[in-house]
N, C-alpha and C. Protein backbone atom coordinates (compact mmCIF):
# COMPACT_ATOMS: atom_id res chain seq x y z
N MET A 1 103.41 90.76 51.85
CA MET A 1 102.39 90.98 50.85
C MET A 1 101.75 92.33 51.05
N LYS A 2 101.51 93.03 49.98
CA LYS A 2 100.83 94.31 50.06
C LYS A 2 99.35 94.04 50.27
N ARG A 3 98.72 94.84 51.10
CA ARG A 3 97.32 94.63 51.43
C ARG A 3 96.57 95.93 51.18
N ASP A 4 95.61 95.88 50.28
CA ASP A 4 94.76 97.02 49.99
C ASP A 4 93.33 96.58 50.23
N VAL A 5 92.81 96.91 51.42
CA VAL A 5 91.48 96.45 51.82
C VAL A 5 90.65 97.65 52.22
N GLN A 6 89.43 97.70 51.69
CA GLN A 6 88.48 98.72 52.11
C GLN A 6 87.34 97.99 52.80
N LEU A 7 87.12 98.30 54.09
CA LEU A 7 86.04 97.68 54.84
C LEU A 7 84.80 98.54 54.72
N LEU A 8 83.68 97.91 54.35
CA LEU A 8 82.45 98.64 54.08
C LEU A 8 81.33 98.24 55.03
N ARG A 9 80.50 99.20 55.35
CA ARG A 9 79.26 98.95 56.09
C ARG A 9 78.13 99.54 55.24
N PRO A 10 77.60 98.73 54.31
CA PRO A 10 76.61 99.25 53.37
C PRO A 10 75.33 99.74 54.04
N GLU A 11 74.78 100.82 53.51
CA GLU A 11 73.49 101.30 53.98
C GLU A 11 72.43 100.27 53.61
N GLY A 12 71.41 100.15 54.45
CA GLY A 12 70.34 99.23 54.17
C GLY A 12 70.59 97.82 54.67
N VAL A 13 71.78 97.59 55.24
CA VAL A 13 72.09 96.29 55.83
C VAL A 13 72.09 96.49 57.34
N GLY A 14 71.50 95.55 58.07
CA GLY A 14 71.39 95.65 59.53
C GLY A 14 72.64 96.17 60.21
N GLY A 15 72.46 96.73 61.39
CA GLY A 15 73.54 97.39 62.12
C GLY A 15 74.71 96.51 62.48
N ALA A 16 75.78 96.69 61.80
CA ALA A 16 77.03 95.99 62.14
C ALA A 16 77.69 96.74 63.27
N SER A 17 78.05 96.03 64.32
CA SER A 17 78.71 96.66 65.45
C SER A 17 80.04 95.96 65.70
N GLY A 18 81.13 96.60 65.35
CA GLY A 18 82.44 96.03 65.62
C GLY A 18 82.99 95.15 64.53
N TYR A 19 82.31 95.02 63.42
CA TYR A 19 82.81 94.24 62.30
C TYR A 19 82.20 94.75 61.01
N SER A 20 82.71 94.29 59.90
CA SER A 20 82.25 94.74 58.60
C SER A 20 81.59 93.59 57.85
N TYR A 21 80.54 93.91 57.10
CA TYR A 21 79.88 92.92 56.27
C TYR A 21 80.63 92.67 54.97
N VAL A 22 81.39 93.67 54.53
CA VAL A 22 82.04 93.58 53.22
C VAL A 22 83.49 94.02 53.34
N ALA A 23 84.37 93.23 52.77
CA ALA A 23 85.78 93.61 52.65
C ALA A 23 86.10 93.61 51.17
N ASP A 24 86.37 94.78 50.61
CA ASP A 24 86.73 94.93 49.21
C ASP A 24 88.25 94.84 49.13
N VAL A 25 88.76 93.70 48.67
CA VAL A 25 90.19 93.45 48.62
C VAL A 25 90.69 93.64 47.20
N ARG A 26 91.63 94.54 47.06
CA ARG A 26 92.25 94.76 45.76
C ARG A 26 93.70 94.37 45.88
N ALA A 27 94.01 93.24 45.30
CA ALA A 27 95.36 92.73 45.44
C ALA A 27 95.82 92.11 44.13
N GLY A 28 97.11 92.09 43.93
CA GLY A 28 97.66 91.51 42.73
C GLY A 28 97.91 90.02 42.85
N ARG A 29 97.75 89.47 44.04
CA ARG A 29 98.03 88.07 44.25
C ARG A 29 97.05 87.50 45.28
N LEU A 30 96.55 86.32 44.99
CA LEU A 30 95.63 85.66 45.90
C LEU A 30 96.10 84.23 46.09
N VAL A 31 96.29 83.84 47.34
CA VAL A 31 96.75 82.50 47.66
C VAL A 31 95.68 81.84 48.53
N TYR A 32 95.29 80.64 48.16
CA TYR A 32 94.36 79.86 48.97
C TYR A 32 95.13 78.81 49.74
N ILE A 33 94.86 78.70 51.02
CA ILE A 33 95.45 77.66 51.85
C ILE A 33 94.34 76.70 52.20
N ALA A 34 94.54 75.43 51.91
CA ALA A 34 93.52 74.42 52.17
C ALA A 34 93.18 74.35 53.65
N GLY A 35 92.01 73.83 53.92
CA GLY A 35 91.61 73.60 55.30
C GLY A 35 92.65 72.79 56.03
N GLN A 36 92.87 73.12 57.28
CA GLN A 36 93.92 72.47 58.05
C GLN A 36 93.34 71.52 59.09
N VAL A 37 94.06 70.45 59.33
CA VAL A 37 93.74 69.51 60.39
C VAL A 37 94.96 69.41 61.30
N ALA A 38 94.79 68.76 62.43
CA ALA A 38 95.84 68.75 63.45
C ALA A 38 96.88 67.66 63.19
N LEU A 39 97.57 67.77 62.06
CA LEU A 39 98.66 66.85 61.75
C LEU A 39 99.98 67.59 61.89
N ASP A 40 100.97 66.91 62.51
CA ASP A 40 102.30 67.52 62.62
C ASP A 40 103.11 67.18 61.38
N THR A 41 104.39 67.54 61.40
CA THR A 41 105.23 67.36 60.21
C THR A 41 105.46 65.91 59.84
N THR A 42 105.20 65.00 60.78
CA THR A 42 105.35 63.57 60.48
C THR A 42 104.05 62.94 60.02
N GLY A 43 102.96 63.72 60.05
CA GLY A 43 101.65 63.19 59.67
C GLY A 43 100.87 62.61 60.83
N ALA A 44 101.43 62.73 62.05
CA ALA A 44 100.75 62.23 63.24
C ALA A 44 99.71 63.24 63.72
N VAL A 45 98.58 62.74 64.22
CA VAL A 45 97.54 63.60 64.78
C VAL A 45 98.05 64.17 66.11
N VAL A 46 97.88 65.47 66.28
CA VAL A 46 98.28 66.16 67.50
C VAL A 46 97.02 66.37 68.35
N GLY A 47 97.12 66.09 69.64
CA GLY A 47 96.04 66.41 70.57
C GLY A 47 94.79 65.57 70.40
N VAL A 48 94.94 64.28 70.26
CA VAL A 48 93.76 63.41 70.14
C VAL A 48 92.83 63.67 71.32
N GLY A 49 91.59 64.04 71.04
CA GLY A 49 90.61 64.32 72.08
C GLY A 49 90.74 65.69 72.73
N ASP A 50 91.67 66.52 72.27
CA ASP A 50 91.91 67.85 72.87
C ASP A 50 91.78 68.90 71.78
N ILE A 51 90.60 69.49 71.66
CA ILE A 51 90.32 70.45 70.58
C ILE A 51 91.22 71.67 70.66
N GLY A 52 91.62 72.08 71.88
CA GLY A 52 92.53 73.21 72.02
C GLY A 52 93.88 72.93 71.40
N ALA A 53 94.44 71.76 71.71
CA ALA A 53 95.74 71.37 71.14
C ALA A 53 95.63 71.19 69.63
N GLN A 54 94.52 70.66 69.18
CA GLN A 54 94.32 70.49 67.74
C GLN A 54 94.25 71.85 67.03
N THR A 55 93.56 72.80 67.66
CA THR A 55 93.46 74.14 67.08
C THR A 55 94.83 74.81 67.02
N GLN A 56 95.63 74.66 68.10
CA GLN A 56 96.98 75.23 68.09
C GLN A 56 97.79 74.66 66.92
N GLN A 57 97.68 73.35 66.69
CA GLN A 57 98.42 72.74 65.58
C GLN A 57 97.94 73.29 64.24
N CYS A 58 96.65 73.48 64.10
CA CYS A 58 96.12 74.05 62.86
C CYS A 58 96.70 75.45 62.62
N PHE A 59 96.77 76.26 63.68
CA PHE A 59 97.37 77.59 63.54
C PHE A 59 98.85 77.50 63.16
N ARG A 60 99.58 76.55 63.77
CA ARG A 60 100.99 76.37 63.38
C ARG A 60 101.09 76.02 61.90
N ASN A 61 100.22 75.14 61.44
CA ASN A 61 100.23 74.75 60.03
C ASN A 61 99.94 75.95 59.13
N ILE A 62 98.98 76.77 59.52
CA ILE A 62 98.63 77.96 58.74
C ILE A 62 99.82 78.92 58.68
N GLU A 63 100.48 79.12 59.83
CA GLU A 63 101.64 80.01 59.85
C GLU A 63 102.75 79.51 58.93
N GLN A 64 102.97 78.20 58.91
CA GLN A 64 103.99 77.63 58.03
C GLN A 64 103.59 77.81 56.55
N ALA A 65 102.32 77.61 56.25
CA ALA A 65 101.85 77.79 54.88
C ALA A 65 102.00 79.24 54.44
N LEU A 66 101.68 80.17 55.33
CA LEU A 66 101.84 81.59 55.02
C LEU A 66 103.31 81.94 54.78
N ALA A 67 104.18 81.43 55.63
CA ALA A 67 105.60 81.70 55.49
C ALA A 67 106.12 81.19 54.15
N ALA A 68 105.59 80.08 53.69
CA ALA A 68 106.04 79.48 52.42
C ALA A 68 105.76 80.38 51.22
N VAL A 69 104.76 81.27 51.36
CA VAL A 69 104.43 82.16 50.25
C VAL A 69 104.77 83.62 50.57
N GLY A 70 105.51 83.83 51.66
CA GLY A 70 105.91 85.19 52.03
C GLY A 70 104.82 85.98 52.72
N GLY A 71 103.83 85.30 53.26
CA GLY A 71 102.73 85.98 53.93
C GLY A 71 102.89 85.98 55.44
N THR A 72 102.03 86.74 56.09
CA THR A 72 101.98 86.81 57.55
C THR A 72 100.53 86.76 57.99
N ALA A 73 100.32 86.78 59.29
CA ALA A 73 98.96 86.78 59.82
C ALA A 73 98.17 87.99 59.32
N ARG A 74 98.86 89.05 58.98
CA ARG A 74 98.18 90.25 58.49
C ARG A 74 97.49 90.02 57.14
N ASP A 75 97.87 88.96 56.44
CA ASP A 75 97.37 88.71 55.10
C ASP A 75 96.23 87.71 55.03
N ILE A 76 95.70 87.28 56.15
CA ILE A 76 94.73 86.19 56.11
C ILE A 76 93.33 86.58 56.54
N LYS A 77 92.41 85.76 56.14
CA LYS A 77 91.02 85.78 56.60
C LYS A 77 90.71 84.34 56.98
N LEU A 78 90.30 84.12 58.21
CA LEU A 78 90.06 82.77 58.71
C LEU A 78 88.58 82.42 58.73
N ASN A 79 88.28 81.17 58.43
CA ASN A 79 86.96 80.59 58.64
C ASN A 79 87.17 79.30 59.42
N TYR A 80 86.31 79.06 60.38
CA TYR A 80 86.36 77.79 61.11
C TYR A 80 85.03 77.08 60.87
N TYR A 81 85.09 75.79 60.80
CA TYR A 81 83.89 74.96 60.71
C TYR A 81 83.99 73.96 61.85
N VAL A 82 83.05 74.04 62.78
CA VAL A 82 83.10 73.25 64.00
C VAL A 82 81.88 72.34 64.07
N VAL A 83 82.13 71.08 64.32
CA VAL A 83 81.04 70.10 64.40
C VAL A 83 80.39 70.13 65.78
N ASP A 84 81.18 70.25 66.82
CA ASP A 84 80.68 70.21 68.19
C ASP A 84 80.96 71.56 68.85
N VAL A 85 79.91 72.38 68.99
CA VAL A 85 80.09 73.74 69.52
C VAL A 85 80.55 73.76 70.98
N SER A 86 80.49 72.63 71.67
CA SER A 86 80.99 72.63 73.05
C SER A 86 82.50 72.86 73.09
N GLY A 87 83.17 72.70 71.96
CA GLY A 87 84.60 72.95 71.88
C GLY A 87 84.96 74.40 71.61
N LEU A 88 83.98 75.26 71.39
CA LEU A 88 84.29 76.66 71.06
C LEU A 88 85.13 77.38 72.10
N PRO A 89 84.89 77.22 73.40
CA PRO A 89 85.76 77.91 74.36
C PRO A 89 87.24 77.53 74.19
N ALA A 90 87.52 76.26 73.97
CA ALA A 90 88.92 75.83 73.78
C ALA A 90 89.48 76.38 72.47
N ILE A 91 88.65 76.42 71.43
CA ILE A 91 89.08 76.97 70.14
C ILE A 91 89.40 78.45 70.29
N ARG A 92 88.52 79.17 70.96
CA ARG A 92 88.75 80.62 71.15
C ARG A 92 89.99 80.87 72.01
N SER A 93 90.19 80.03 73.02
CA SER A 93 91.38 80.18 73.85
C SER A 93 92.65 79.95 73.03
N ALA A 94 92.65 78.93 72.19
CA ALA A 94 93.80 78.66 71.32
C ALA A 94 94.02 79.83 70.37
N ARG A 95 92.95 80.33 69.80
CA ARG A 95 93.05 81.48 68.89
C ARG A 95 93.61 82.69 69.62
N ASP A 96 93.05 82.98 70.79
CA ASP A 96 93.47 84.16 71.53
C ASP A 96 94.91 84.06 72.03
N SER A 97 95.41 82.84 72.25
CA SER A 97 96.79 82.68 72.69
C SER A 97 97.78 83.01 71.58
N ARG A 98 97.31 83.06 70.37
CA ARG A 98 98.15 83.39 69.22
C ARG A 98 97.84 84.85 68.86
N ALA A 99 98.14 85.74 69.80
CA ALA A 99 97.75 87.15 69.69
C ALA A 99 98.19 87.79 68.39
N HIS A 100 99.32 87.37 67.82
CA HIS A 100 99.78 87.98 66.57
C HIS A 100 98.80 87.69 65.44
N ILE A 101 98.05 86.62 65.51
CA ILE A 101 97.03 86.35 64.50
C ILE A 101 95.79 87.19 64.79
N VAL A 102 95.32 87.13 66.03
CA VAL A 102 94.10 87.83 66.40
C VAL A 102 94.24 89.34 66.22
N ARG A 103 95.34 89.91 66.67
CA ARG A 103 95.50 91.35 66.66
C ARG A 103 95.83 91.93 65.28
N THR A 104 96.34 91.10 64.38
CA THR A 104 96.73 91.65 63.09
C THR A 104 95.72 91.37 62.00
N THR A 105 94.77 90.48 62.23
CA THR A 105 93.77 90.19 61.22
C THR A 105 92.64 91.21 61.36
N LEU A 106 92.56 92.13 60.44
CA LEU A 106 91.58 93.23 60.47
C LEU A 106 91.49 93.88 61.85
N PRO A 107 92.58 94.46 62.35
CA PRO A 107 92.60 94.99 63.71
C PRO A 107 91.62 96.11 63.97
N ASP A 108 91.27 96.89 62.96
CA ASP A 108 90.37 98.01 63.16
C ASP A 108 88.91 97.61 63.02
N CYS A 109 88.66 96.43 62.54
CA CYS A 109 87.30 96.00 62.30
C CYS A 109 87.23 94.48 62.45
N PRO A 110 87.32 93.99 63.68
CA PRO A 110 87.40 92.54 63.89
C PRO A 110 86.11 91.83 63.50
N PRO A 111 86.21 90.55 63.14
CA PRO A 111 85.03 89.78 62.82
C PRO A 111 84.17 89.58 64.06
N SER A 112 82.91 89.27 63.88
CA SER A 112 81.99 89.15 65.00
C SER A 112 82.40 88.07 65.99
N ALA A 113 83.10 87.02 65.54
CA ALA A 113 83.50 85.94 66.42
C ALA A 113 84.49 86.39 67.48
N MET A 114 85.09 87.56 67.32
CA MET A 114 86.08 88.03 68.30
C MET A 114 85.42 88.73 69.48
N ARG A 115 84.15 88.86 69.48
CA ARG A 115 83.44 89.52 70.57
C ARG A 115 83.30 88.60 71.76
């Protein structure tokens, strides 16, 4: 997918350090991928009680969804919604272990969660 993104740091908005408040995306195609849960190809839950394993499965699902439309990690913007913040270290570890996602998603201006 072709990616034409301009990252902005508008004047008058508090000091952004290491990330951008605005991403102006000009693209001819937009694909939405539904929120992912830790289900494998058979519909079984992966990693019951293990948020790290569940996060890894969610990333695998996202990668498969991207491949289905000809996309890569370079074409995505991720949002996570976490109920229990005590799981954040495991979530971040799972995210960081998938370096091709972390390093290619806005590599010059990473989101604040990557700090």
